[in-house]
Amino acid sequence: MSYPEYPTVNQVMDPFAYESLAIEGTAKGLTSTVYAPTGKQAMRAIITVEDAQIRYRIDGTDPTATEGHLLNPMAVLVVIGPKAIATIRFIAKGTTAGKISVSYEK
């Protein structure tokens, strides 16, 4: 099996989109019309966490406030590959909403 070659975290790709999302008590994913507009497809998403702890899952299952990978404010998460970008889901860990800022590259 061969895998496509993806750039390393430090390599600059072609940035083309950005969004910020409030992460609250209901699981949510990234916005498909932003990461995959007509004729473009994000290959990498660089996500920074602000304001509060959040959790995420990337296996197609929604995280909960107590289940999933924990991200603290100021954490940076790099998601590589169209499938991973499409399936990642986030939720707030506690009652305080978090915020993520996302830059998309192709």
N, C-alpha and C. Protein backbone atom coordinates (compact mmCIF):
# COMPACT_ATOMS: atom_id res chain seq x y z
N MET A 1 0.85 -1.17 0.00
CA MET A 1 0.00 0.00 0.00
C MET A 1 0.89 1.23 0.00
N SER A 2 0.58 2.18 -0.84
CA SER A 2 1.34 3.42 -0.84
C SER A 2 0.47 4.55 -0.33
N TYR A 3 1.10 5.50 0.30
CA TYR A 3 0.40 6.64 0.87
C TYR A 3 0.80 7.90 0.11
N PRO A 4 -0.12 8.85 -0.03
CA PRO A 4 0.24 10.09 -0.70
C PRO A 4 1.26 10.86 0.13
N GLU A 5 2.08 11.62 -0.53
CA GLU A 5 3.06 12.41 0.19
C GLU A 5 2.43 13.70 0.66
N TYR A 6 2.45 13.93 1.96
CA TYR A 6 1.94 15.16 2.54
C TYR A 6 3.13 15.96 3.04
N PRO A 7 3.00 17.26 3.05
CA PRO A 7 4.10 18.09 3.53
C PRO A 7 4.27 17.95 5.04
N THR A 8 5.45 18.27 5.52
CA THR A 8 5.66 18.30 6.96
C THR A 8 5.00 19.56 7.52
N VAL A 9 4.91 19.64 8.83
CA VAL A 9 4.26 20.78 9.48
C VAL A 9 4.94 22.09 9.11
N ASN A 10 6.24 22.08 8.95
CA ASN A 10 6.97 23.32 8.70
C ASN A 10 6.98 23.75 7.24
N GLN A 11 6.55 22.92 6.34
CA GLN A 11 6.52 23.30 4.94
C GLN A 11 5.32 24.21 4.69
N VAL A 12 5.56 25.24 3.91
CA VAL A 12 4.48 26.15 3.56
C VAL A 12 3.78 25.60 2.33
N MET A 13 2.46 25.51 2.42
CA MET A 13 1.65 25.06 1.30
C MET A 13 0.95 26.28 0.72
N ASP A 14 -0.09 26.06 -0.01
CA ASP A 14 -0.86 27.14 -0.61
C ASP A 14 -2.08 27.44 0.26
N PRO A 15 -2.00 28.47 1.14
CA PRO A 15 -3.15 28.79 1.97
C PRO A 15 -4.27 29.39 1.13
N PHE A 16 -5.52 29.00 1.41
CA PHE A 16 -6.61 29.54 0.60
C PHE A 16 -7.86 29.88 1.39
N ALA A 17 -7.95 29.49 2.66
CA ALA A 17 -9.18 29.79 3.39
C ALA A 17 -8.89 29.83 4.89
N TYR A 18 -9.82 30.47 5.61
CA TYR A 18 -9.71 30.62 7.07
C TYR A 18 -11.12 30.68 7.64
N GLU A 19 -11.27 30.16 8.86
CA GLU A 19 -12.52 30.33 9.59
C GLU A 19 -12.24 30.26 11.08
N SER A 20 -13.14 30.83 11.86
CA SER A 20 -13.11 30.65 13.31
C SER A 20 -14.47 30.13 13.73
N LEU A 21 -14.45 29.20 14.67
CA LEU A 21 -15.67 28.54 15.10
C LEU A 21 -15.77 28.54 16.62
N ALA A 22 -16.97 28.82 17.12
CA ALA A 22 -17.25 28.66 18.54
C ALA A 22 -17.50 27.17 18.79
N ILE A 23 -16.86 26.64 19.80
CA ILE A 23 -17.02 25.23 20.15
C ILE A 23 -17.78 25.19 21.48
N GLU A 24 -18.99 24.67 21.43
CA GLU A 24 -19.87 24.68 22.59
C GLU A 24 -20.22 23.24 22.99
N GLY A 25 -21.37 23.05 23.61
CA GLY A 25 -21.76 21.77 24.17
C GLY A 25 -22.32 20.75 23.20
N THR A 26 -22.37 21.08 21.92
CA THR A 26 -22.81 20.14 20.88
C THR A 26 -21.65 19.92 19.93
N ALA A 27 -21.37 18.67 19.61
CA ALA A 27 -20.24 18.37 18.72
C ALA A 27 -20.45 19.01 17.35
N LYS A 28 -19.37 19.53 16.80
CA LYS A 28 -19.43 20.13 15.47
C LYS A 28 -18.13 19.88 14.73
N GLY A 29 -18.25 19.88 13.41
CA GLY A 29 -17.10 19.70 12.55
C GLY A 29 -16.71 21.01 11.90
N LEU A 30 -15.73 20.92 11.04
CA LEU A 30 -15.29 22.07 10.26
C LEU A 30 -16.30 22.32 9.14
N THR A 31 -16.27 23.49 8.55
CA THR A 31 -17.27 23.90 7.56
C THR A 31 -16.87 23.47 6.16
N SER A 32 -17.63 22.53 5.58
CA SER A 32 -17.26 21.96 4.28
C SER A 32 -17.22 23.00 3.17
N THR A 33 -18.06 24.01 3.21
CA THR A 33 -18.04 25.03 2.16
C THR A 33 -16.80 25.92 2.26
N VAL A 34 -16.12 25.86 3.40
CA VAL A 34 -14.86 26.61 3.56
C VAL A 34 -13.67 25.73 3.17
N TYR A 35 -13.59 24.49 3.69
CA TYR A 35 -12.42 23.65 3.40
C TYR A 35 -12.49 22.95 2.05
N ALA A 36 -13.66 22.91 1.43
CA ALA A 36 -13.79 22.25 0.12
C ALA A 36 -14.72 23.03 -0.80
N PRO A 37 -14.40 24.31 -1.06
CA PRO A 37 -15.23 25.05 -2.01
C PRO A 37 -15.03 24.48 -3.42
N THR A 38 -15.89 24.84 -4.32
CA THR A 38 -15.83 24.32 -5.68
C THR A 38 -14.42 24.49 -6.26
N GLY A 39 -13.87 23.38 -6.74
CA GLY A 39 -12.57 23.41 -7.39
C GLY A 39 -11.37 23.38 -6.47
N LYS A 40 -11.57 23.35 -5.17
CA LYS A 40 -10.47 23.31 -4.22
C LYS A 40 -10.76 22.27 -3.16
N GLN A 41 -9.70 21.73 -2.56
CA GLN A 41 -9.86 20.78 -1.46
C GLN A 41 -8.70 20.99 -0.51
N ALA A 42 -8.98 21.26 0.73
CA ALA A 42 -7.91 21.42 1.72
C ALA A 42 -7.19 20.10 1.92
N MET A 43 -5.88 20.19 1.98
CA MET A 43 -5.04 19.03 2.27
C MET A 43 -4.51 19.09 3.70
N ARG A 44 -4.55 20.30 4.28
CA ARG A 44 -4.07 20.46 5.65
C ARG A 44 -4.87 21.57 6.32
N ALA A 45 -5.21 21.36 7.59
CA ALA A 45 -5.87 22.36 8.41
C ALA A 45 -4.99 22.60 9.64
N ILE A 46 -4.66 23.86 9.88
CA ILE A 46 -3.89 24.24 11.05
C ILE A 46 -4.86 24.90 12.01
N ILE A 47 -5.05 24.29 13.17
CA ILE A 47 -6.09 24.69 14.11
C ILE A 47 -5.45 25.17 15.41
N THR A 48 -5.82 26.36 15.85
CA THR A 48 -5.38 26.85 17.15
C THR A 48 -6.59 26.96 18.07
N VAL A 49 -6.37 26.66 19.34
CA VAL A 49 -7.44 26.65 20.33
C VAL A 49 -7.32 27.91 21.19
N GLU A 50 -8.46 28.56 21.41
CA GLU A 50 -8.51 29.75 22.25
C GLU A 50 -9.59 29.57 23.32
N ASP A 51 -9.50 30.34 24.37
CA ASP A 51 -10.55 30.54 25.38
C ASP A 51 -10.77 29.41 26.38
N ALA A 52 -10.94 28.16 25.95
CA ALA A 52 -11.29 27.10 26.90
C ALA A 52 -10.87 25.73 26.35
N GLN A 53 -10.84 24.74 27.22
CA GLN A 53 -10.50 23.39 26.80
C GLN A 53 -11.59 22.83 25.89
N ILE A 54 -11.16 22.07 24.89
CA ILE A 54 -12.08 21.37 24.01
C ILE A 54 -11.59 19.94 23.84
N ARG A 55 -12.48 19.10 23.35
CA ARG A 55 -12.11 17.72 23.01
C ARG A 55 -12.39 17.50 21.53
N TYR A 56 -11.67 16.54 20.94
CA TYR A 56 -11.94 16.21 19.54
C TYR A 56 -11.79 14.72 19.32
N ARG A 57 -12.46 14.27 18.28
CA ARG A 57 -12.29 12.90 17.77
C ARG A 57 -12.18 13.01 16.27
N ILE A 58 -11.41 12.09 15.70
CA ILE A 58 -11.15 12.14 14.28
C ILE A 58 -11.53 10.82 13.60
N ASP A 59 -12.26 9.96 14.34
CA ASP A 59 -12.61 8.63 13.83
C ASP A 59 -14.04 8.55 13.31
N GLY A 60 -14.71 9.69 13.18
CA GLY A 60 -16.08 9.69 12.68
C GLY A 60 -17.13 9.62 13.78
N THR A 61 -16.69 9.55 15.03
CA THR A 61 -17.61 9.52 16.17
C THR A 61 -17.55 10.87 16.88
N ASP A 62 -18.69 11.35 17.34
CA ASP A 62 -18.71 12.62 18.07
C ASP A 62 -18.02 12.49 19.41
N PRO A 63 -17.19 13.48 19.77
CA PRO A 63 -16.63 13.49 21.12
C PRO A 63 -17.71 13.92 22.11
N THR A 64 -17.42 13.72 23.38
CA THR A 64 -18.30 14.22 24.44
C THR A 64 -17.45 15.10 25.36
N ALA A 65 -18.07 15.70 26.33
CA ALA A 65 -17.33 16.54 27.28
C ALA A 65 -16.31 15.73 28.07
N THR A 66 -16.47 14.41 28.11
CA THR A 66 -15.56 13.56 28.88
C THR A 66 -14.80 12.56 28.03
N GLU A 67 -15.07 12.50 26.75
CA GLU A 67 -14.43 11.50 25.88
C GLU A 67 -13.90 12.15 24.61
N GLY A 68 -12.66 11.86 24.31
CA GLY A 68 -11.99 12.40 23.13
C GLY A 68 -10.65 13.00 23.53
N HIS A 69 -9.87 13.35 22.53
CA HIS A 69 -8.57 13.96 22.81
C HIS A 69 -8.78 15.36 23.37
N LEU A 70 -8.03 15.70 24.41
CA LEU A 70 -8.16 17.00 25.07
C LEU A 70 -7.19 18.00 24.46
N LEU A 71 -7.70 19.19 24.17
CA LEU A 71 -6.86 20.30 23.72
C LEU A 71 -7.05 21.47 24.67
N ASN A 72 -5.96 22.05 25.09
CA ASN A 72 -5.99 23.21 25.98
C ASN A 72 -5.87 24.50 25.17
N PRO A 73 -6.27 25.62 25.75
CA PRO A 73 -6.06 26.90 25.06
C PRO A 73 -4.59 27.07 24.68
N MET A 74 -4.36 27.61 23.52
CA MET A 74 -3.06 27.87 22.92
C MET A 74 -2.46 26.63 22.25
N ALA A 75 -3.18 25.50 22.27
CA ALA A 75 -2.70 24.30 21.57
C ALA A 75 -2.84 24.51 20.06
N VAL A 76 -1.98 23.85 19.32
CA VAL A 76 -2.05 23.84 17.86
C VAL A 76 -2.20 22.40 17.41
N LEU A 77 -3.19 22.15 16.59
CA LEU A 77 -3.44 20.83 16.04
C LEU A 77 -3.33 20.93 14.52
N VAL A 78 -2.55 20.06 13.91
CA VAL A 78 -2.42 20.03 12.46
C VAL A 78 -3.10 18.77 11.96
N VAL A 79 -4.09 18.95 11.11
CA VAL A 79 -4.85 17.83 10.55
C VAL A 79 -4.48 17.73 9.08
N ILE A 80 -4.03 16.54 8.68
CA ILE A 80 -3.55 16.35 7.30
C ILE A 80 -4.42 15.34 6.59
N GLY A 81 -4.87 15.71 5.40
CA GLY A 81 -5.65 14.83 4.55
C GLY A 81 -7.12 15.19 4.50
N PRO A 82 -7.71 15.11 3.32
CA PRO A 82 -9.11 15.49 3.15
C PRO A 82 -10.09 14.69 4.01
N LYS A 83 -9.86 13.40 4.16
CA LYS A 83 -10.78 12.59 4.96
C LYS A 83 -10.73 13.00 6.43
N ALA A 84 -9.54 13.21 6.96
CA ALA A 84 -9.40 13.63 8.35
C ALA A 84 -10.04 15.00 8.58
N ILE A 85 -9.85 15.91 7.65
CA ILE A 85 -10.45 17.24 7.76
C ILE A 85 -11.97 17.15 7.76
N ALA A 86 -12.51 16.27 6.95
CA ALA A 86 -13.96 16.13 6.85
C ALA A 86 -14.58 15.43 8.06
N THR A 87 -13.83 14.58 8.75
CA THR A 87 -14.42 13.79 9.84
C THR A 87 -14.14 14.31 11.24
N ILE A 88 -13.18 15.21 11.41
CA ILE A 88 -12.86 15.67 12.76
C ILE A 88 -14.04 16.42 13.36
N ARG A 89 -14.28 16.18 14.65
CA ARG A 89 -15.41 16.81 15.37
C ARG A 89 -14.89 17.33 16.71
N PHE A 90 -15.46 18.45 17.16
CA PHE A 90 -15.03 19.13 18.38
C PHE A 90 -16.22 19.35 19.31
N ILE A 91 -15.92 19.46 20.62
CA ILE A 91 -16.93 19.81 21.62
C ILE A 91 -16.21 20.50 22.78
N ALA A 92 -16.92 21.38 23.48
CA ALA A 92 -16.36 22.01 24.68
C ALA A 92 -16.23 20.97 25.79
N LYS A 93 -15.16 21.07 26.58
CA LYS A 93 -14.99 20.14 27.69
C LYS A 93 -15.90 20.50 28.86
N GLY A 94 -16.09 21.77 29.10
CA GLY A 94 -16.91 22.22 30.21
C GLY A 94 -18.02 23.13 29.74
N THR A 95 -18.47 23.99 30.62
CA THR A 95 -19.58 24.89 30.28
C THR A 95 -19.12 26.15 29.55
N THR A 96 -17.83 26.42 29.56
CA THR A 96 -17.30 27.58 28.84
C THR A 96 -17.03 27.22 27.39
N ALA A 97 -17.58 28.00 26.49
CA ALA A 97 -17.36 27.74 25.06
C ALA A 97 -15.90 28.01 24.71
N GLY A 98 -15.39 27.18 23.83
CA GLY A 98 -14.05 27.39 23.29
C GLY A 98 -14.16 28.03 21.93
N LYS A 99 -13.04 28.34 21.36
CA LYS A 99 -13.00 28.90 20.01
C LYS A 99 -11.80 28.28 19.31
N ILE A 100 -11.98 27.93 18.05
CA ILE A 100 -10.86 27.49 17.25
C ILE A 100 -10.72 28.42 16.05
N SER A 101 -9.48 28.65 15.65
CA SER A 101 -9.15 29.37 14.43
C SER A 101 -8.50 28.37 13.50
N VAL A 102 -8.96 28.34 12.25
CA VAL A 102 -8.51 27.31 11.32
C VAL A 102 -8.02 27.94 10.02
N SER A 103 -6.79 27.61 9.64
CA SER A 103 -6.27 28.00 8.33
C SER A 103 -6.21 26.75 7.46
N TYR A 104 -6.71 26.86 6.25
CA TYR A 104 -6.73 25.73 5.31
C TYR A 104 -5.70 25.94 4.22
N GLU A 105 -5.03 24.84 3.86
CA GLU A 105 -4.02 24.87 2.81
C GLU A 105 -4.28 23.74 1.83
N LYS A 106 -3.87 23.96 0.59
CA LYS A 106 -3.99 22.90 -0.41
C LYS A 106 -2.65 22.61 -1.02
